[in-house]
Amino acid sequence: MENAIQITIIDREGKENLIEAPVDMNLNVMEVCKLYELPVKGECGGMALCATCQCYLESNTQLDEQSEQELDMLDQAFFVQTNSRLACQIRVKEELNGMVLRLAPESL
């Protein structure tokens, strides 16, 4: 894929999925996961209102600072760790090439 980066998404069974994400379509990581049919619900449609796309950053990739809305949602979510992010709040851009994310557990 031209104008794309590679991201590794580790699913809930521990399988690594190397995916290509276009950098010229203004997508977020949650949308890309859905395109690849990875088990990310994204019930709120990417508005940072549900945390069903929570993931853990497992690489040293520098992400944009979390918004107050993302921090508030993670404050109410389960399984939150220091490296928790909402995939819907991570915009796909060239600087994220090689990023590794792990999907957070779905339920208790």
C-alpha atoms as a PDB file:
ATOM      1  CA  MET A   1       0.000   0.000   0.000  1.00  0.00           C
ATOM      2  CA  GLU A   2       1.428   3.340  -1.016  1.00  0.00           C
ATOM      3  CA  ASN A   3       1.424   6.125   1.616  1.00  0.00           C
ATOM      4  CA  ALA A   4       1.054   3.603   4.418  1.00  0.00           C
ATOM      5  CA  ILE A   5       2.787   2.636   7.619  1.00  0.00           C
ATOM      6  CA  GLN A   6       3.030  -0.712   9.367  1.00  0.00           C
ATOM      7  CA  ILE A   7       1.580  -1.226  12.833  1.00  0.00           C
ATOM      8  CA  THR A   8       1.571  -4.417  14.888  1.00  0.00           C
ATOM      9  CA  ILE A   9      -1.645  -5.125  16.789  1.00  0.00           C
ATOM     10  CA  ILE A  10      -1.471  -7.936  19.345  1.00  0.00           C
ATOM     11  CA  ASP A  11      -4.939  -9.410  19.766  1.00  0.00           C
ATOM     12  CA  ARG A  12      -6.429 -10.802  22.974  1.00  0.00           C
ATOM     13  CA  GLU A  13      -5.117 -14.301  22.193  1.00  0.00           C
ATOM     14  CA  GLY A  14      -1.562 -12.970  21.863  1.00  0.00           C
ATOM     15  CA  LYS A  15      -1.404 -13.205  18.050  1.00  0.00           C
ATOM     16  CA  GLU A  16       0.607 -10.455  16.371  1.00  0.00           C
ATOM     17  CA  ASN A  17      -1.161  -8.869  13.393  1.00  0.00           C
ATOM     18  CA  LEU A  18       1.048  -6.767  11.119  1.00  0.00           C
ATOM     19  CA  ILE A  19      -1.250  -4.319   9.399  1.00  0.00           C
ATOM     20  CA  GLU A  20      -0.787  -1.533   6.905  1.00  0.00           C
ATOM     21  CA  ALA A  21      -2.461   1.749   7.714  1.00  0.00           C
ATOM     22  CA  PRO A  22      -2.855   4.544   5.160  1.00  0.00           C
ATOM     23  CA  VAL A  23      -1.462   7.899   6.295  1.00  0.00           C
ATOM     24  CA  ASP A  24      -3.390   9.963   3.743  1.00  0.00           C
ATOM     25  CA  MET A  25      -6.967   9.183   4.817  1.00  0.00           C
ATOM     26  CA  ASN A  26      -7.114  10.825   8.288  1.00  0.00           C
ATOM     27  CA  LEU A  27      -8.021   7.511   9.944  1.00  0.00           C
ATOM     28  CA  ASN A  28      -7.505   6.587  13.562  1.00  0.00           C
ATOM     29  CA  VAL A  29      -6.127   3.246  14.780  1.00  0.00           C
ATOM     30  CA  MET A  30      -9.580   2.015  15.863  1.00  0.00           C
ATOM     31  CA  GLU A  31     -10.898   2.488  12.314  1.00  0.00           C
ATOM     32  CA  VAL A  32      -7.913   0.648  10.864  1.00  0.00           C
ATOM     33  CA  CYS A  33      -8.444  -2.245  13.304  1.00  0.00           C
ATOM     34  CA  LYS A  34     -12.068  -2.488  12.188  1.00  0.00           C
ATOM     35  CA  LEU A  35     -10.966  -2.519   8.525  1.00  0.00           C
ATOM     36  CA  TYR A  36      -8.802  -5.548   9.321  1.00  0.00           C
ATOM     37  CA  GLU A  37     -11.670  -7.122  11.292  1.00  0.00           C
ATOM     38  CA  LEU A  38      -9.726  -7.141  14.545  1.00  0.00           C
ATOM     39  CA  PRO A  39     -11.924  -7.436  17.667  1.00  0.00           C
ATOM     40  CA  VAL A  40     -12.261  -3.740  18.501  1.00  0.00           C
ATOM     41  CA  LYS A  41     -15.815  -2.608  19.193  1.00  0.00           C
ATOM     42  CA  GLY A  42     -15.515   1.157  19.055  1.00  0.00           C
ATOM     43  CA  GLU A  43     -19.126   1.482  20.189  1.00  0.00           C
ATOM     44  CA  CYS A  44     -19.051   5.293  20.347  1.00  0.00           C
ATOM     45  CA  GLY A  45     -17.700   5.629  16.813  1.00  0.00           C
ATOM     46  CA  GLY A  46     -14.436   7.225  17.865  1.00  0.00           C
ATOM     47  CA  MET A  47     -15.693   9.968  20.163  1.00  0.00           C
ATOM     48  CA  ALA A  48     -13.711   8.823  23.266  1.00  0.00           C
ATOM     49  CA  LEU A  49     -16.972   8.017  25.063  1.00  0.00           C
ATOM     50  CA  CYS A  50     -16.809   4.253  25.643  1.00  0.00           C
ATOM     51  CA  ALA A  51     -13.247   2.826  26.007  1.00  0.00           C
ATOM     52  CA  THR A  52     -14.163  -0.285  23.965  1.00  0.00           C
ATOM     53  CA  CYS A  53     -11.056   0.376  21.853  1.00  0.00           C
ATOM     54  CA  GLN A  54      -8.643   0.563  24.778  1.00  0.00           C
ATOM     55  CA  CYS A  55      -5.180  -0.721  23.959  1.00  0.00           C
ATOM     56  CA  TYR A  56      -1.718  -0.738  25.486  1.00  0.00           C
ATOM     57  CA  LEU A  57       1.242   0.934  23.796  1.00  0.00           C
ATOM     58  CA  GLU A  58       4.000  -1.680  23.820  1.00  0.00           C
ATOM     59  CA  SER A  59       6.617   0.145  21.763  1.00  0.00           C
ATOM     60  CA  ASN A  60       8.594   3.309  22.431  1.00  0.00           C
ATOM     61  CA  THR A  61       6.534   5.189  19.855  1.00  0.00           C
ATOM     62  CA  GLN A  62       5.958   8.825  20.771  1.00  0.00           C
ATOM     63  CA  LEU A  63       2.210   9.535  20.697  1.00  0.00           C
ATOM     64  CA  ASP A  64       0.432  12.865  20.959  1.00  0.00           C
ATOM     65  CA  GLU A  65      -0.447  13.899  24.487  1.00  0.00           C
ATOM     66  CA  GLN A  66      -3.728  12.500  25.763  1.00  0.00           C
ATOM     67  CA  SER A  67      -6.704  14.861  25.752  1.00  0.00           C
ATOM     68  CA  GLU A  68      -8.733  15.502  28.899  1.00  0.00           C
ATOM     69  CA  GLN A  69     -11.595  13.566  27.294  1.00  0.00           C
ATOM     70  CA  GLU A  70      -9.398  10.492  26.721  1.00  0.00           C
ATOM     71  CA  LEU A  71      -8.007  10.666  30.263  1.00  0.00           C
ATOM     72  CA  ASP A  72     -11.533  10.999  31.704  1.00  0.00           C
ATOM     73  CA  MET A  73     -12.725   7.949  29.755  1.00  0.00           C
ATOM     74  CA  LEU A  74      -9.734   5.855  30.806  1.00  0.00           C
ATOM     75  CA  ASP A  75     -10.400   6.908  34.397  1.00  0.00           C
ATOM     76  CA  GLN A  76     -13.728   5.039  34.153  1.00  0.00           C
ATOM     77  CA  ALA A  77     -12.467   2.013  32.181  1.00  0.00           C
ATOM     78  CA  PHE A  78     -11.423  -1.436  33.369  1.00  0.00           C
ATOM     79  CA  PHE A  79      -7.918  -2.923  32.999  1.00  0.00           C
ATOM     80  CA  VAL A  80      -6.250   0.506  32.716  1.00  0.00           C
ATOM     81  CA  GLN A  81      -2.464   0.527  32.818  1.00  0.00           C
ATOM     82  CA  THR A  82       0.089   3.331  32.607  1.00  0.00           C
ATOM     83  CA  ASN A  83       0.455   2.663  28.860  1.00  0.00           C
ATOM     84  CA  SER A  84      -3.316   2.590  28.152  1.00  0.00           C
ATOM     85  CA  ARG A  85      -4.632   4.569  25.202  1.00  0.00           C
ATOM     86  CA  LEU A  86      -7.873   4.739  23.269  1.00  0.00           C
ATOM     87  CA  ALA A  87      -7.205   3.573  19.717  1.00  0.00           C
ATOM     88  CA  CYS A  88      -9.812   6.024  18.421  1.00  0.00           C
ATOM     89  CA  GLN A  89      -7.668   8.900  19.690  1.00  0.00           C
ATOM     90  CA  ILE A  90      -4.495   7.812  17.866  1.00  0.00           C
ATOM     91  CA  ARG A  91      -4.422   9.354  14.387  1.00  0.00           C
ATOM     92  CA  VAL A  92      -2.493   7.366  11.801  1.00  0.00           C
ATOM     93  CA  LYS A  93       0.574   9.326  10.701  1.00  0.00           C
ATOM     94  CA  GLU A  94       4.034   8.492   9.395  1.00  0.00           C
ATOM     95  CA  GLU A  95       5.698   8.933  12.796  1.00  0.00           C
ATOM     96  CA  LEU A  96       3.794   5.865  14.063  1.00  0.00           C
ATOM     97  CA  ASN A  97       5.460   3.452  11.632  1.00  0.00           C
ATOM     98  CA  GLY A  98       6.519   0.351  13.579  1.00  0.00           C
ATOM     99  CA  MET A  99       4.222   1.030  16.553  1.00  0.00           C
ATOM    100  CA  VAL A 100       3.113  -1.988  18.598  1.00  0.00           C
ATOM    101  CA  LEU A 101      -0.244  -2.010  20.419  1.00  0.00           C
ATOM    102  CA  ARG A 102      -1.917  -4.749  22.473  1.00  0.00           C
ATOM    103  CA  LEU A 103      -5.722  -4.891  22.700  1.00  0.00           C
ATOM    104  CA  ALA A 104      -6.984  -4.572  26.279  1.00  0.00           C
ATOM    105  CA  PRO A 105      -9.230  -7.335  27.703  1.00  0.00           C
ATOM    106  CA  GLU A 106     -12.904  -6.951  26.842  1.00  0.00           C
ATOM    107  CA  SER A 107     -14.619  -7.932  30.072  1.00  0.00           C
ATOM    108  CA  LEU A 108     -14.121  -8.942  33.662  1.00  0.00           C
END
